[in-house]
Amino acid sequence: MEIQNAAEKQREYFFSQKAYPYQVRKENLKKLYNLLKENEPKFLEAMQKDLGKSGSQAYGSEIGIVYKELRKAQKKLWSWMKPRRVCDTLANFPSSNYIYPSPYGSILIIAPWNYPYLLCLDPLIGAIAGGNCAVLKPSELTPNVSKVIEEVINNNFD
């Protein structure tokens, strides 16, 4: 029931269209990057407790990948958002055809236990870049990582 309530709140937030503009998406990606950097020691400790991963293993298999994806999303966001011309088809001749990227809506991200950080936050990057809202459901089998994700996200994002 808790996920259903969270999903309903995110749906309402999505329809307010506050997450649509380029600047909002860019700021949210930057904010997420800074929050993850700031809380990196907590995540490393949580992964050690839950999965027994050493700091270098956790960084190499999860944390570093998320940072790379965040930097890529920040760099390419504008080009992902702009309309793209596509080839005309014979059925539409003569015409000009474009794809106008637009947000999808509210997204539920359910993360598994084996890569709880990566598989929870990597899809979140795509959701934010797409102008969507997201509900995160970390694995109950990694309680320490889930707790840190909950603290970081709930205390800093609408």
C-alpha atoms as a PDB file:
ATOM      1  CA  MET A   1       0.000   0.000   0.000  1.00  0.00           C
ATOM      2  CA  GLU A   2       2.934   2.320   0.708  1.00  0.00           C
ATOM      3  CA  ILE A   3       4.195   2.006  -2.889  1.00  0.00           C
ATOM      4  CA  GLN A   4       0.706   2.741  -4.195  1.00  0.00           C
ATOM      5  CA  ASN A   5       0.538   5.972  -2.155  1.00  0.00           C
ATOM      6  CA  ALA A   6       4.010   7.002  -3.309  1.00  0.00           C
ATOM      7  CA  ALA A   7       3.093   6.255  -6.918  1.00  0.00           C
ATOM      8  CA  GLU A   8      -0.054   8.368  -6.625  1.00  0.00           C
ATOM      9  CA  LYS A   9       1.916  11.314  -5.219  1.00  0.00           C
ATOM     10  CA  GLN A  10       4.457  11.010  -8.049  1.00  0.00           C
ATOM     11  CA  ARG A  11       1.664  10.895 -10.630  1.00  0.00           C
ATOM     12  CA  GLU A  12       0.244  14.138  -9.214  1.00  0.00           C
ATOM     13  CA  TYR A  13       3.697  15.732  -9.266  1.00  0.00           C
ATOM     14  CA  PHE A  14       4.222  14.602 -12.862  1.00  0.00           C
ATOM     15  CA  PHE A  15       0.965  16.168 -14.021  1.00  0.00           C
ATOM     16  CA  SER A  16       2.006  19.471 -12.431  1.00  0.00           C
ATOM     17  CA  GLN A  17       4.728  19.514 -15.168  1.00  0.00           C
ATOM     18  CA  LYS A  18       7.379  20.810 -12.758  1.00  0.00           C
ATOM     19  CA  ALA A  19       9.896  18.167 -13.904  1.00  0.00           C
ATOM     20  CA  TYR A  20       9.583  18.936 -17.649  1.00  0.00           C
ATOM     21  CA  PRO A  21      11.911  21.923 -18.273  1.00  0.00           C
ATOM     22  CA  TYR A  22      15.535  21.416 -19.277  1.00  0.00           C
ATOM     23  CA  GLN A  23      16.877  23.489 -16.387  1.00  0.00           C
ATOM     24  CA  VAL A  24      14.950  21.460 -13.789  1.00  0.00           C
ATOM     25  CA  ARG A  25      16.216  18.178 -15.206  1.00  0.00           C
ATOM     26  CA  LYS A  26      19.786  19.486 -15.355  1.00  0.00           C
ATOM     27  CA  GLU A  27      19.630  20.753 -11.751  1.00  0.00           C
ATOM     28  CA  ASN A  28      18.156  17.465 -10.501  1.00  0.00           C
ATOM     29  CA  LEU A  29      20.926  15.448 -12.168  1.00  0.00           C
ATOM     30  CA  LYS A  30      23.557  17.764 -10.685  1.00  0.00           C
ATOM     31  CA  LYS A  31      21.889  17.565  -7.274  1.00  0.00           C
ATOM     32  CA  LEU A  32      21.812  13.749  -7.432  1.00  0.00           C
ATOM     33  CA  TYR A  33      25.499  13.640  -8.378  1.00  0.00           C
ATOM     34  CA  ASN A  34      26.477  15.916  -5.487  1.00  0.00           C
ATOM     35  CA  LEU A  35      24.338  13.976  -3.000  1.00  0.00           C
ATOM     36  CA  LEU A  36      25.829  10.643  -4.042  1.00  0.00           C
ATOM     37  CA  LYS A  37      29.377  12.045  -3.781  1.00  0.00           C
ATOM     38  CA  GLU A  38      28.592  13.508  -0.381  1.00  0.00           C
ATOM     39  CA  ASN A  39      27.107  10.238   0.917  1.00  0.00           C
ATOM     40  CA  GLU A  40      29.599   7.879  -0.746  1.00  0.00           C
ATOM     41  CA  PRO A  41      31.155   6.731   2.575  1.00  0.00           C
ATOM     42  CA  LYS A  42      27.694   5.762   3.872  1.00  0.00           C
ATOM     43  CA  PHE A  43      26.999   3.752   0.726  1.00  0.00           C
ATOM     44  CA  LEU A  44      30.378   2.000   0.915  1.00  0.00           C
ATOM     45  CA  GLU A  45      29.761   1.057   4.542  1.00  0.00           C
ATOM     46  CA  ALA A  46      26.236  -0.144   3.774  1.00  0.00           C
ATOM     47  CA  MET A  47      27.439  -2.327   0.885  1.00  0.00           C
ATOM     48  CA  GLN A  48      30.128  -3.786   3.136  1.00  0.00           C
ATOM     49  CA  LYS A  49      27.494  -4.691   5.751  1.00  0.00           C
ATOM     50  CA  ASP A  50      24.896  -6.060   3.334  1.00  0.00           C
ATOM     51  CA  LEU A  51      27.003  -7.756   0.662  1.00  0.00           C
ATOM     52  CA  GLY A  52      30.517  -7.947   2.074  1.00  0.00           C
ATOM     53  CA  LYS A  53      31.871  -5.832  -0.807  1.00  0.00           C
ATOM     54  CA  SER A  54      35.155  -4.071  -0.242  1.00  0.00           C
ATOM     55  CA  GLY A  55      35.378  -0.364  -1.025  1.00  0.00           C
ATOM     56  CA  SER A  56      37.212  -0.878  -4.318  1.00  0.00           C
ATOM     57  CA  GLN A  57      34.844  -3.641  -5.411  1.00  0.00           C
ATOM     58  CA  ALA A  58      31.765  -1.551  -4.564  1.00  0.00           C
ATOM     59  CA  TYR A  59      33.196   1.458  -6.379  1.00  0.00           C
ATOM     60  CA  GLY A  60      34.220  -0.500  -9.463  1.00  0.00           C
ATOM     61  CA  SER A  61      31.036  -2.519  -9.837  1.00  0.00           C
ATOM     62  CA  GLU A  62      28.416   0.027  -8.801  1.00  0.00           C
ATOM     63  CA  ILE A  63      29.336   3.526  -7.611  1.00  0.00           C
ATOM     64  CA  GLY A  64      31.750   4.442 -10.409  1.00  0.00           C
ATOM     65  CA  ILE A  65      29.267   3.310 -13.064  1.00  0.00           C
ATOM     66  CA  VAL A  66      26.536   5.509 -11.611  1.00  0.00           C
ATOM     67  CA  TYR A  67      28.861   8.535 -11.585  1.00  0.00           C
ATOM     68  CA  LYS A  68      29.778   7.890 -15.221  1.00  0.00           C
ATOM     69  CA  GLU A  69      26.099   7.658 -16.215  1.00  0.00           C
ATOM     70  CA  LEU A  70      25.303  10.880 -14.344  1.00  0.00           C
ATOM     71  CA  ARG A  71      28.083  12.767 -16.129  1.00  0.00           C
ATOM     72  CA  LYS A  72      26.936  11.394 -19.485  1.00  0.00           C
ATOM     73  CA  ALA A  73      23.304  12.359 -18.822  1.00  0.00           C
ATOM     74  CA  GLN A  74      24.314  15.894 -17.815  1.00  0.00           C
ATOM     75  CA  LYS A  75      26.446  16.262 -20.946  1.00  0.00           C
ATOM     76  CA  LYS A  76      23.914  14.856 -23.426  1.00  0.00           C
ATOM     77  CA  LEU A  77      20.663  16.067 -21.885  1.00  0.00           C
ATOM     78  CA  TRP A  78      20.091  18.921 -24.326  1.00  0.00           C
ATOM     79  CA  SER A  79      20.664  16.760 -27.401  1.00  0.00           C
ATOM     80  CA  TRP A  80      18.343  14.056 -26.000  1.00  0.00           C
ATOM     81  CA  MET A  81      15.577  16.618 -25.503  1.00  0.00           C
ATOM     82  CA  LYS A  82      15.653  18.412 -28.857  1.00  0.00           C
ATOM     83  CA  PRO A  83      13.397  17.312 -31.732  1.00  0.00           C
ATOM     84  CA  ARG A  84      15.030  15.066 -34.326  1.00  0.00           C
ATOM     85  CA  ARG A  85      14.187  14.891 -37.980  1.00  0.00           C
ATOM     86  CA  VAL A  86      13.515  11.400 -39.281  1.00  0.00           C
ATOM     87  CA  CYS A  87      13.321  10.044 -42.812  1.00  0.00           C
ATOM     88  CA  ASP A  88      10.146  10.581 -44.755  1.00  0.00           C
ATOM     89  CA  THR A  89       8.102   7.594 -45.813  1.00  0.00           C
ATOM     90  CA  LEU A  90       6.478   7.175 -49.159  1.00  0.00           C
ATOM     91  CA  ALA A  91       3.072   7.221 -47.491  1.00  0.00           C
ATOM     92  CA  ASN A  92       3.747  10.700 -46.084  1.00  0.00           C
ATOM     93  CA  PHE A  93       5.414  12.186 -49.176  1.00  0.00           C
ATOM     94  CA  PRO A  94       5.915  15.198 -49.355  1.00  0.00           C
ATOM     95  CA  SER A  95       6.322  15.916 -45.685  1.00  0.00           C
ATOM     96  CA  SER A  96       8.771  16.649 -42.880  1.00  0.00           C
ATOM     97  CA  ASN A  97       8.799  14.180 -40.013  1.00  0.00           C
ATOM     98  CA  TYR A  98      10.141  14.821 -36.531  1.00  0.00           C
ATOM     99  CA  ILE A  99      10.339  12.990 -33.231  1.00  0.00           C
ATOM    100  CA  TYR A 100       9.571  15.202 -30.248  1.00  0.00           C
ATOM    101  CA  PRO A 101      10.843  13.533 -27.064  1.00  0.00           C
ATOM    102  CA  SER A 102       8.428  13.946 -24.163  1.00  0.00           C
ATOM    103  CA  PRO A 103       8.210  12.587 -20.612  1.00  0.00           C
ATOM    104  CA  TYR A 104       6.387   9.319 -20.128  1.00  0.00           C
ATOM    105  CA  GLY A 105       4.996   9.739 -16.630  1.00  0.00           C
ATOM    106  CA  SER A 106       5.599   8.141 -13.276  1.00  0.00           C
ATOM    107  CA  ILE A 107       7.983   5.181 -13.158  1.00  0.00           C
ATOM    108  CA  LEU A 108       8.385   2.416 -10.576  1.00  0.00           C
ATOM    109  CA  ILE A 109      11.980   1.200 -10.195  1.00  0.00           C
ATOM    110  CA  ILE A 110      12.333  -2.095  -8.337  1.00  0.00           C
ATOM    111  CA  ALA A 111      15.952  -2.945  -7.547  1.00  0.00           C
ATOM    112  CA  PRO A 112      17.279  -6.485  -6.954  1.00  0.00           C
ATOM    113  CA  TRP A 113      19.582  -7.445  -4.112  1.00  0.00           C
ATOM    114  CA  ASN A 114      22.782  -8.232  -6.033  1.00  0.00           C
ATOM    115  CA  TYR A 115      23.585  -4.694  -7.255  1.00  0.00           C
ATOM    116  CA  PRO A 116      21.285  -2.621  -5.050  1.00  0.00           C
ATOM    117  CA  TYR A 117      22.961   0.752  -5.618  1.00  0.00           C
ATOM    118  CA  LEU A 118      23.559   0.485  -9.364  1.00  0.00           C
ATOM    119  CA  LEU A 119      20.234  -1.089 -10.322  1.00  0.00           C
ATOM    120  CA  CYS A 120      18.257   1.381  -8.235  1.00  0.00           C
ATOM    121  CA  LEU A 121      20.007   4.623  -9.144  1.00  0.00           C
ATOM    122  CA  ASP A 122      20.977   3.996 -12.780  1.00  0.00           C
ATOM    123  CA  PRO A 123      17.343   3.796 -13.970  1.00  0.00           C
ATOM    124  CA  LEU A 124      16.617   6.866 -11.823  1.00  0.00           C
ATOM    125  CA  ILE A 125      19.129   8.853 -13.892  1.00  0.00           C
ATOM    126  CA  GLY A 126      17.244   7.980 -17.066  1.00  0.00           C
ATOM    127  CA  ALA A 127      13.926   8.852 -15.445  1.00  0.00           C
ATOM    128  CA  ILE A 128      15.169  12.283 -14.344  1.00  0.00           C
ATOM    129  CA  ALA A 129      16.788  12.976 -17.718  1.00  0.00           C
ATOM    130  CA  GLY A 130      13.518  12.036 -19.406  1.00  0.00           C
ATOM    131  CA  GLY A 131      11.525  14.469 -17.247  1.00  0.00           C
ATOM    132  CA  ASN A 132       9.723  11.639 -15.488  1.00  0.00           C
ATOM    133  CA  CYS A 133       8.924  11.036 -11.848  1.00  0.00           C
ATOM    134  CA  ALA A 134      10.044   7.844 -10.144  1.00  0.00           C
ATOM    135  CA  VAL A 135       9.214   5.710  -7.146  1.00  0.00           C
ATOM    136  CA  LEU A 136      12.177   3.667  -5.908  1.00  0.00           C
ATOM    137  CA  LYS A 137      11.721   0.287  -4.274  1.00  0.00           C
ATOM    138  CA  PRO A 138      15.143  -0.958  -3.113  1.00  0.00           C
ATOM    139  CA  SER A 139      15.570  -4.607  -2.196  1.00  0.00           C
ATOM    140  CA  GLU A 140      14.487  -5.676   1.275  1.00  0.00           C
ATOM    141  CA  LEU A 141      17.448  -8.102   1.245  1.00  0.00           C
ATOM    142  CA  THR A 142      19.902  -5.172   1.448  1.00  0.00           C
ATOM    143  CA  PRO A 143      18.451  -3.152   4.334  1.00  0.00           C
ATOM    144  CA  ASN A 144      21.479  -0.914   4.945  1.00  0.00           C
ATOM    145  CA  VAL A 145      21.818   0.201   1.313  1.00  0.00           C
ATOM    146  CA  SER A 146      18.051   0.665   1.104  1.00  0.00           C
ATOM    147  CA  LYS A 147      18.086   2.847   4.218  1.00  0.00           C
ATOM    148  CA  VAL A 148      20.822   5.125   2.845  1.00  0.00           C
ATOM    149  CA  ILE A 149      19.060   5.425  -0.532  1.00  0.00           C
ATOM    150  CA  GLU A 150      15.820   6.281   1.260  1.00  0.00           C
ATOM    151  CA  GLU A 151      17.534   8.970   3.363  1.00  0.00           C
ATOM    152  CA  VAL A 152      19.324  10.555   0.406  1.00  0.00           C
ATOM    153  CA  ILE A 153      16.348  10.584  -1.967  1.00  0.00           C
ATOM    154  CA  ASN A 154      13.463  11.317   0.406  1.00  0.00           C
ATOM    155  CA  ASN A 155      15.240  14.153   2.200  1.00  0.00           C
ATOM    156  CA  ASN A 156      16.324  15.934  -0.994  1.00  0.00           C
ATOM    157  CA  PHE A 157      13.771  15.377  -3.773  1.00  0.00           C
ATOM    158  CA  ASP A 158      10.037  16.033  -4.076  1.00  0.00           C
END
